[in-house]
């Protein structure tokens, strides 16, 4: 019987490959699968790490958003500088 692993980024598109390894560290076999639905998870390792995985996801997304915000600020500064130089 195949275990269902937790992945908050699991795709609903069956053609998209989520990777070779589950978030719990288990390597997938041919019949391994993952879901972002916590109620469908059957892997005991994943069930024990749900909060840790979600915390990691939230921290990662926060970091990405901060990087994007910094990039937008950098671009806006460059635009202002270029406008001032052209005057």
PDB file of N, CA and C in Angstrom:
ATOM      1  N   UNK A   1       0.844  -1.189   0.000  1.00  0.00           N
ATOM      2  CA  UNK A   1       0.000   0.000   0.000  1.00  0.00           C
ATOM      3  C   UNK A   1       0.886   1.248   0.000  1.00  0.00           C
ATOM      4  N   UNK A   2       0.568   2.141  -0.852  1.00  0.00           N
ATOM      5  CA  UNK A   2       1.341   3.360  -1.003  1.00  0.00           C
ATOM      6  C   UNK A   2       0.936   4.396   0.049  1.00  0.00           C
ATOM      7  N   UNK A   3       1.934   5.077   0.587  1.00  0.00           N
ATOM      8  CA  UNK A   3       1.674   6.146   1.554  1.00  0.00           C
ATOM      9  C   UNK A   3       1.440   7.456   0.800  1.00  0.00           C
ATOM     10  N   UNK A   4       0.615   8.295   1.375  1.00  0.00           N
ATOM     11  CA  UNK A   4       0.399   9.623   0.818  1.00  0.00           C
ATOM     12  C   UNK A   4       1.142  10.610   1.704  1.00  0.00           C
ATOM     13  N   UNK A   5       2.054  11.348   1.091  1.00  0.00           N
ATOM     14  CA  UNK A   5       2.905  12.285   1.807  1.00  0.00           C
ATOM     15  C   UNK A   5       2.347  13.700   1.721  1.00  0.00           C
ATOM     16  N   UNK A   6       2.737  14.535   2.692  1.00  0.00           N
ATOM     17  CA  UNK A   6       2.290  15.926   2.721  1.00  0.00           C
ATOM     18  C   UNK A   6       3.288  16.825   2.007  1.00  0.00           C
ATOM     19  N   UNK A   7       2.760  17.656   1.126  1.00  0.00           N
ATOM     20  CA  UNK A   7       3.546  18.685   0.460  1.00  0.00           C
ATOM     21  C   UNK A   7       2.634  19.884   0.246  1.00  0.00           C
ATOM     22  N   UNK A   8       2.886  21.002   0.945  1.00  0.00           N
ATOM     23  CA  UNK A   8       2.003  22.159   0.811  1.00  0.00           C
ATOM     24  C   UNK A   8       1.998  22.732  -0.608  1.00  0.00           C
ATOM     25  N   UNK A   9       2.997  22.371  -1.408  1.00  0.00           N
ATOM     26  CA  UNK A   9       3.079  22.850  -2.790  1.00  0.00           C
ATOM     27  C   UNK A   9       2.680  21.780  -3.797  1.00  0.00           C
ATOM     28  N   UNK A  10       2.082  20.709  -3.344  1.00  0.00           N
ATOM     29  CA  UNK A  10       1.708  19.623  -4.254  1.00  0.00           C
ATOM     30  C   UNK A  10       0.764  20.146  -5.324  1.00  0.00           C
ATOM     31  N   UNK A  11       1.024  19.733  -6.536  1.00  0.00           N
ATOM     32  CA  UNK A  11       0.229  20.157  -7.675  1.00  0.00           C
ATOM     33  C   UNK A  11      -0.961  19.236  -7.866  1.00  0.00           C
ATOM     34  N   UNK A  12      -2.047  19.811  -8.326  1.00  0.00           N
ATOM     35  CA  UNK A  12      -3.208  18.989  -8.673  1.00  0.00           C
ATOM     36  C   UNK A  12      -3.050  18.435 -10.081  1.00  0.00           C
ATOM     37  N   UNK A  13      -2.050  18.937 -10.810  1.00  0.00           N
ATOM     38  CA  UNK A  13      -1.762  18.467 -12.153  1.00  0.00           C
ATOM     39  C   UNK A  13      -0.903  17.208 -12.055  1.00  0.00           C
ATOM     40  N   UNK A  14      -1.443  16.075 -12.451  1.00  0.00           N
ATOM     41  CA  UNK A  14      -0.727  14.811 -12.300  1.00  0.00           C
ATOM     42  C   UNK A  14       0.502  14.723 -13.201  1.00  0.00           C
ATOM     43  N   UNK A  15       0.587  15.573 -14.212  1.00  0.00           N
ATOM     44  CA  UNK A  15       1.743  15.551 -15.105  1.00  0.00           C
ATOM     45  C   UNK A  15       2.940  16.286 -14.509  1.00  0.00           C
ATOM     46  N   UNK A  16       2.696  17.125 -13.506  1.00  0.00           N
ATOM     47  CA  UNK A  16       3.778  17.866 -12.879  1.00  0.00           C
ATOM     48  C   UNK A  16       4.471  17.001 -11.855  1.00  0.00           C
ATOM     49  N   UNK A  17       5.789  16.925 -11.949  1.00  0.00           N
ATOM     50  CA  UNK A  17       6.563  16.093 -11.025  1.00  0.00           C
ATOM     51  C   UNK A  17       6.956  16.918  -9.812  1.00  0.00           C
ATOM     52  N   UNK A  18       6.595  16.443  -8.623  1.00  0.00           N
ATOM     53  CA  UNK A  18       6.911  17.161  -7.405  1.00  0.00           C
ATOM     54  C   UNK A  18       8.317  16.917  -6.899  1.00  0.00           C
ATOM     55  N   UNK A  19       9.019  15.997  -7.489  1.00  0.00           N
ATOM     56  CA  UNK A  19      10.364  15.684  -7.057  1.00  0.00           C
ATOM     57  C   UNK A  19      10.508  14.219  -6.711  1.00  0.00           C
ATOM     58  N   UNK A  20      11.696  13.848  -6.306  1.00  0.00           N
ATOM     59  CA  UNK A  20      11.971  12.456  -5.986  1.00  0.00           C
ATOM     60  C   UNK A  20      11.807  12.149  -4.504  1.00  0.00           C
ATOM     61  N   UNK A  21      11.717  13.201  -3.686  1.00  0.00           N
ATOM     62  CA  UNK A  21      11.719  13.007  -2.241  1.00  0.00           C
ATOM     63  C   UNK A  21      10.564  13.769  -1.604  1.00  0.00           C
ATOM     64  N   UNK A  22       9.892  13.123  -0.658  1.00  0.00           N
ATOM     65  CA  UNK A  22       8.800  13.761   0.078  1.00  0.00           C
ATOM     66  C   UNK A  22       9.364  14.747   1.101  1.00  0.00           C
ATOM     67  N   UNK A  23       8.524  15.619   1.622  1.00  0.00           N
ATOM     68  CA  UNK A  23       8.942  16.612   2.605  1.00  0.00           C
ATOM     69  C   UNK A  23       9.475  15.967   3.884  1.00  0.00           C
ATOM     70  N   UNK A  24       9.052  14.742   4.173  1.00  0.00           N
ATOM     71  CA  UNK A  24       9.507  14.038   5.374  1.00  0.00           C
ATOM     72  C   UNK A  24      10.879  13.406   5.178  1.00  0.00           C
ATOM     73  N   UNK A  25      11.373  13.414   3.942  1.00  0.00           N
ATOM     74  CA  UNK A  25      12.676  12.833   3.659  1.00  0.00           C
ATOM     75  C   UNK A  25      12.617  11.482   2.974  1.00  0.00           C
ATOM     76  N   UNK A  26      11.440  10.915   2.858  1.00  0.00           N
ATOM     77  CA  UNK A  26      11.271   9.616   2.221  1.00  0.00           C
ATOM     78  C   UNK A  26      11.386   9.764   0.705  1.00  0.00           C
ATOM     79  N   UNK A  27      12.140   8.864   0.085  1.00  0.00           N
ATOM     80  CA  UNK A  27      12.235   8.862  -1.375  1.00  0.00           C
ATOM     81  C   UNK A  27      11.014   8.159  -1.951  1.00  0.00           C
ATOM     82  N   UNK A  28      10.463   8.737  -3.024  1.00  0.00           N
ATOM     83  CA  UNK A  28       9.285   8.149  -3.651  1.00  0.00           C
ATOM     84  C   UNK A  28       9.643   6.887  -4.418  1.00  0.00           C
ATOM     85  N   UNK A  29       8.726   5.949  -4.369  1.00  0.00           N
ATOM     86  CA  UNK A  29       8.826   4.783  -5.240  1.00  0.00           C
ATOM     87  C   UNK A  29       7.951   5.088  -6.453  1.00  0.00           C
ATOM     88  N   UNK A  30       7.779   4.138  -7.308  1.00  0.00           N
ATOM     89  CA  UNK A  30       6.959   4.352  -8.506  1.00  0.00           C
ATOM     90  C   UNK A  30       5.527   4.754  -8.144  1.00  0.00           C
ATOM     91  N   UNK A  31       5.011   4.219  -7.054  1.00  0.00           N
ATOM     92  CA  UNK A  31       3.615   4.484  -6.699  1.00  0.00           C
ATOM     93  C   UNK A  31       3.454   5.524  -5.582  1.00  0.00           C
ATOM     94  N   UNK A  32       4.542   6.185  -5.194  1.00  0.00           N
ATOM     95  CA  UNK A  32       4.454   7.192  -4.142  1.00  0.00           C
ATOM     96  C   UNK A  32       3.681   8.410  -4.613  1.00  0.00           C
ATOM     97  N   UNK A  33       2.942   9.020  -3.715  1.00  0.00           N
ATOM     98  CA  UNK A  33       2.219  10.227  -4.097  1.00  0.00           C
ATOM     99  C   UNK A  33       2.212  11.229  -2.956  1.00  0.00           C
ATOM    100  N   UNK A  34       1.840  12.465  -3.286  1.00  0.00           N
ATOM    101  CA  UNK A  34       1.813  13.537  -2.287  1.00  0.00           C
ATOM    102  C   UNK A  34       0.566  14.385  -2.501  1.00  0.00           C
ATOM    103  N   UNK A  35       0.201  15.097  -1.439  1.00  0.00           N
ATOM    104  CA  UNK A  35      -0.983  15.930  -1.476  1.00  0.00           C
ATOM    105  C   UNK A  35      -0.776  17.150  -0.587  1.00  0.00           C
ATOM    106  N   UNK A  36      -1.539  18.201  -0.858  1.00  0.00           N
ATOM    107  CA  UNK A  36      -1.527  19.353   0.033  1.00  0.00           C
ATOM    108  C   UNK A  36      -2.737  19.332   0.974  1.00  0.00           C
ATOM    109  N   UNK A  37      -3.511  18.266   0.909  1.00  0.00           N
ATOM    110  CA  UNK A  37      -4.670  18.066   1.780  1.00  0.00           C
ATOM    111  C   UNK A  37      -4.228  17.263   3.007  1.00  0.00           C
ATOM    112  N   UNK A  38      -4.154  17.940   4.137  1.00  0.00           N
ATOM    113  CA  UNK A  38      -3.657  17.296   5.358  1.00  0.00           C
ATOM    114  C   UNK A  38      -4.501  16.100   5.777  1.00  0.00           C
ATOM    115  N   UNK A  39      -5.778  16.119   5.463  1.00  0.00           N
ATOM    116  CA  UNK A  39      -6.677  15.027   5.849  1.00  0.00           C
ATOM    117  C   UNK A  39      -6.380  13.743   5.070  1.00  0.00           C
ATOM    118  N   UNK A  40      -5.724  13.862   3.916  1.00  0.00           N
ATOM    119  CA  UNK A  40      -5.440  12.695   3.073  1.00  0.00           C
ATOM    120  C   UNK A  40      -4.076  12.070   3.334  1.00  0.00           C
ATOM    121  N   UNK A  41      -3.280  12.693   4.195  1.00  0.00           N
ATOM    122  CA  UNK A  41      -1.927  12.214   4.464  1.00  0.00           C
ATOM    123  C   UNK A  41      -1.973  10.928   5.283  1.00  0.00           C
ATOM    124  N   UNK A  42      -1.210   9.910   4.839  1.00  0.00           N
ATOM    125  CA  UNK A  42      -1.150   8.643   5.566  1.00  0.00           C
ATOM    126  C   UNK A  42       0.261   8.337   6.075  1.00  0.00           C
ATOM    127  N   UNK A  43       1.249   9.095   5.646  1.00  0.00           N
ATOM    128  CA  UNK A  43       2.632   8.883   6.080  1.00  0.00           C
ATOM    129  C   UNK A  43       2.792   9.384   7.521  1.00  0.00           C
ATOM    130  N   UNK A  44       3.237   8.487   8.412  1.00  0.00           N
ATOM    131  CA  UNK A  44       3.393   8.865   9.820  1.00  0.00           C
ATOM    132  C   UNK A  44       4.464   9.929  10.020  1.00  0.00           C
ATOM    133  N   UNK A  45       5.548   9.860   9.220  1.00  0.00           N
ATOM    134  CA  UNK A  45       6.600  10.879   9.329  1.00  0.00           C
ATOM    135  C   UNK A  45       6.043  12.256   8.969  1.00  0.00           C
ATOM    136  N   UNK A  46       5.277  12.314   7.901  1.00  0.00           N
ATOM    137  CA  UNK A  46       4.681  13.589   7.482  1.00  0.00           C
ATOM    138  C   UNK A  46       3.686  14.097   8.521  1.00  0.00           C
ATOM    139  N   UNK A  47       2.873  13.200   9.045  1.00  0.00           N
ATOM    140  CA  UNK A  47       1.886  13.594  10.050  1.00  0.00           C
ATOM    141  C   UNK A  47       2.559  14.203  11.280  1.00  0.00           C
ATOM    142  N   UNK A  48       3.720  13.649  11.656  1.00  0.00           N
ATOM    143  CA  UNK A  48       4.459  14.177  12.803  1.00  0.00           C
ATOM    144  C   UNK A  48       5.123  15.518  12.506  1.00  0.00           C
ATOM    145  N   UNK A  49       5.337  15.810  11.223  1.00  0.00           N
ATOM    146  CA  UNK A  49       6.048  17.030  10.840  1.00  0.00           C
ATOM    147  C   UNK A  49       5.151  18.094  10.196  1.00  0.00           C
ATOM    148  N   UNK A  50       3.832  17.937  10.254  1.00  0.00           N
ATOM    149  CA  UNK A  50       2.925  18.876   9.588  1.00  0.00           C
ATOM    150  C   UNK A  50       3.204  20.321   9.989  1.00  0.00           C
ATOM    151  N   UNK A  51       3.274  20.577  11.289  1.00  0.00           N
ATOM    152  CA  UNK A  51       3.488  21.950  11.759  1.00  0.00           C
ATOM    153  C   UNK A  51       4.847  22.479  11.314  1.00  0.00           C
ATOM    154  N   UNK A  52       5.873  21.647  11.398  1.00  0.00           N
ATOM    155  CA  UNK A  52       7.221  22.047  11.005  1.00  0.00           C
ATOM    156  C   UNK A  52       7.281  22.368   9.504  1.00  0.00           C
ATOM    157  N   UNK A  53       6.625  21.541   8.700  1.00  0.00           N
ATOM    158  CA  UNK A  53       6.602  21.769   7.255  1.00  0.00           C
ATOM    159  C   UNK A  53       5.867  23.059   6.937  1.00  0.00           C
ATOM    160  N   UNK A  54       4.729  23.287   7.581  1.00  0.00           N
ATOM    161  CA  UNK A  54       3.969  24.521   7.343  1.00  0.00           C
ATOM    162  C   UNK A  54       4.743  25.754   7.800  1.00  0.00           C
ATOM    163  N   UNK A  55       5.463  25.638   8.911  1.00  0.00           N
ATOM    164  CA  UNK A  55       6.286  26.756   9.384  1.00  0.00           C
ATOM    165  C   UNK A  55       7.389  27.060   8.369  1.00  0.00           C
ATOM    166  N   UNK A  56       8.039  26.014   7.863  1.00  0.00           N
ATOM    167  CA  UNK A  56       9.074  26.189   6.846  1.00  0.00           C
ATOM    168  C   UNK A  56       8.492  26.870   5.605  1.00  0.00           C
ATOM    169  N   UNK A  57       7.304  26.429   5.181  1.00  0.00           N
ATOM    170  CA  UNK A  57       6.642  27.018   4.008  1.00  0.00           C
ATOM    171  C   UNK A  57       6.367  28.499   4.234  1.00  0.00           C
ATOM    172  N   UNK A  58       5.828  28.843   5.397  1.00  0.00           N
ATOM    173  CA  UNK A  58       5.519  30.240   5.707  1.00  0.00           C
ATOM    174  C   UNK A  58       6.786  31.100   5.736  1.00  0.00           C
ATOM    175  N   UNK A  59       7.854  30.583   6.345  1.00  0.00           N
ATOM    176  CA  UNK A  59       9.118  31.330   6.397  1.00  0.00           C
ATOM    177  C   UNK A  59       9.713  31.514   5.001  1.00  0.00           C
ATOM    178  N   UNK A  60       9.615  30.480   4.184  1.00  0.00           N
ATOM    179  CA  UNK A  60      10.133  30.553   2.813  1.00  0.00           C
ATOM    180  C   UNK A  60       9.362  31.595   2.004  1.00  0.00           C
ATOM    181  N   UNK A  61       8.045  31.570   2.113  1.00  0.00           N
ATOM    182  CA  UNK A  61       7.223  32.535   1.370  1.00  0.00           C
ATOM    183  C   UNK A  61       7.473  33.956   1.866  1.00  0.00           C
ATOM    184  N   UNK A  62       7.656  34.139   3.152  1.00  0.00           N
ATOM    185  CA  UNK A  62       7.966  35.458   3.711  1.00  0.00           C
ATOM    186  C   UNK A  62       9.296  35.967   3.158  1.00  0.00           C
ATOM    187  N   UNK A  63      10.279  35.096   3.081  1.00  0.00           N
ATOM    188  CA  UNK A  63      11.589  35.459   2.542  1.00  0.00           C
ATOM    189  C   UNK A  63      11.468  35.860   1.068  1.00  0.00           C
ATOM    190  N   UNK A  64      10.704  35.105   0.300  1.00  0.00           N
ATOM    191  CA  UNK A  64      10.504  35.419  -1.114  1.00  0.00           C
ATOM    192  C   UNK A  64       9.826  36.777  -1.267  1.00  0.00           C
ATOM    193  N   UNK A  65       8.803  37.033  -0.471  1.00  0.00           N
ATOM    194  CA  UNK A  65       8.099  38.318  -0.544  1.00  0.00           C
ATOM    195  C   UNK A  65       9.013  39.478  -0.174  1.00  0.00           C
ATOM    196  N   UNK A  66       9.864  39.284   0.830  1.00  0.00           N
ATOM    197  CA  UNK A  66      10.813  40.331   1.208  1.00  0.00           C
ATOM    198  C   UNK A  66      11.810  40.601   0.086  1.00  0.00           C
ATOM    199  N   UNK A  67      12.278  39.541  -0.566  1.00  0.00           N
ATOM    200  CA  UNK A  67      13.183  39.710  -1.698  1.00  0.00           C
ATOM    201  C   UNK A  67      12.510  40.462  -2.842  1.00  0.00           C
ATOM    202  N   UNK A  68      11.267  40.127  -3.104  1.00  0.00           N
ATOM    203  CA  UNK A  68      10.534  40.802  -4.173  1.00  0.00           C
ATOM    204  C   UNK A  68      10.320  42.275  -3.843  1.00  0.00           C
ATOM    205  N   UNK A  69      10.009  42.561  -2.591  1.00  0.00           N
ATOM    206  CA  UNK A  69       9.813  43.942  -2.158  1.00  0.00           C
ATOM    207  C   UNK A  69      11.111  44.740  -2.302  1.00  0.00           C
ATOM    208  N   UNK A  70      12.221  44.134  -1.946  1.00  0.00           N
ATOM    209  CA  UNK A  70      13.520  44.792  -2.090  1.00  0.00           C
ATOM    210  C   UNK A  70      13.834  45.057  -3.553  1.00  0.00           C
ATOM    211  N   UNK A  71      13.505  44.123  -4.414  1.00  0.00           N
ATOM    212  CA  UNK A  71      13.757  44.294  -5.843  1.00  0.00           C
ATOM    213  C   UNK A  71      12.914  45.431  -6.404  1.00  0.00           C
ATOM    214  N   UNK A  72      11.654  45.514  -6.011  1.00  0.00           N
ATOM    215  CA  UNK A  72      10.782  46.593  -6.471  1.00  0.00           C
ATOM    216  C   UNK A  72      11.318  47.943  -5.989  1.00  0.00           C
ATOM    217  N   UNK A  73      11.759  48.012  -4.752  1.00  0.00           N
ATOM    218  CA  UNK A  73      12.332  49.258  -4.222  1.00  0.00           C
ATOM    219  C   UNK A  73      13.577  49.649  -5.004  1.00  0.00           C
ATOM    220  N   UNK A  74      14.429  48.675  -5.318  1.00  0.00           N
ATOM    221  CA  UNK A  74      15.635  48.920  -6.101  1.00  0.00           C
ATOM    222  C   UNK A  74      15.274  49.461  -7.480  1.00  0.00           C
ATOM    223  N   UNK A  75      14.306  48.843  -8.124  1.00  0.00           N
ATOM    224  CA  UNK A  75      13.880  49.304  -9.457  1.00  0.00           C
ATOM    225  C   UNK A  75      13.310  50.711  -9.395  1.00  0.00           C
ATOM    226  N   UNK A  76      12.506  50.991  -8.396  1.00  0.00           N
ATOM    227  CA  UNK A  76      11.931  52.329  -8.261  1.00  0.00           C
ATOM    228  C   UNK A  76      13.013  53.375  -8.037  1.00  0.00           C
ATOM    229  N   UNK A  77      14.024  53.050  -7.251  1.00  0.00           N
ATOM    230  CA  UNK A  77      15.141  53.974  -7.028  1.00  0.00           C
ATOM    231  C   UNK A  77      15.897  54.234  -8.324  1.00  0.00           C
ATOM    232  N   UNK A  78      16.127  53.208  -9.107  1.00  0.00           N
ATOM    233  CA  UNK A  78      16.823  53.367 -10.382  1.00  0.00           C
ATOM    234  C   UNK A  78      16.017  54.224 -11.348  1.00  0.00           C
ATOM    235  N   UNK A  79      14.720  54.040 -11.364  1.00  0.00           N
ATOM    236  CA  UNK A  79      13.858  54.853 -12.233  1.00  0.00           C
ATOM    237  C   UNK A  79      13.944  56.319 -11.818  1.00  0.00           C
ATOM    238  N   UNK A  80      13.872  56.592 -10.519  1.00  0.00           N
ATOM    239  CA  UNK A  80      13.968  57.971 -10.026  1.00  0.00           C
ATOM    240  C   UNK A  80      15.314  58.578 -10.382  1.00  0.00           C
ATOM    241  N   UNK A  81      16.370  57.802 -10.213  1.00  0.00           N
ATOM    242  CA  UNK A  81      17.722  58.285 -10.528  1.00  0.00           C
ATOM    243  C   UNK A  81      17.852  58.617 -12.016  1.00  0.00           C
ATOM    244  N   UNK A  82      17.329  57.744 -12.858  1.00  0.00           N
ATOM    245  CA  UNK A  82      17.389  57.969 -14.291  1.00  0.00           C
ATOM    246  C   UNK A  82      16.562  59.189 -14.702  1.00  0.00           C
ATOM    247  N   UNK A  83      15.427  59.367 -14.071  1.00  0.00           N
ATOM    248  CA  UNK A  83      14.585  60.539 -14.387  1.00  0.00           C
ATOM    249  C   UNK A  83      15.288  61.821 -13.974  1.00  0.00           C
ATOM    250  N   UNK A  84      15.947  61.817 -12.814  1.00  0.00           N
ATOM    251  CA  UNK A  84      16.658  62.996 -12.353  1.00  0.00           C
ATOM    252  C   UNK A  84      17.867  63.303 -13.229  1.00  0.00           C
ATOM    253  N   UNK A  85      18.532  62.291 -13.737  1.00  0.00           N
ATOM    254  CA  UNK A  85      19.689  62.497 -14.586  1.00  0.00           C
ATOM    255  C   UNK A  85      19.285  63.042 -15.960  1.00  0.00           C
ATOM    256  N   UNK A  86      18.085  62.727 -16.413  1.00  0.00           N
ATOM    257  CA  UNK A  86      17.660  63.175 -17.728  1.00  0.00           C
ATOM    258  C   UNK A  86      17.135  64.620 -17.709  1.00  0.00           C
ATOM    259  N   UNK A  87      16.935  65.166 -16.535  1.00  0.00           N
ATOM    260  CA  UNK A  87      16.414  66.548 -16.436  1.00  0.00           C
ATOM    261  C   UNK A  87      17.526  67.547 -16.575  1.00  0.00           C
TER     262      UNK A  87
END
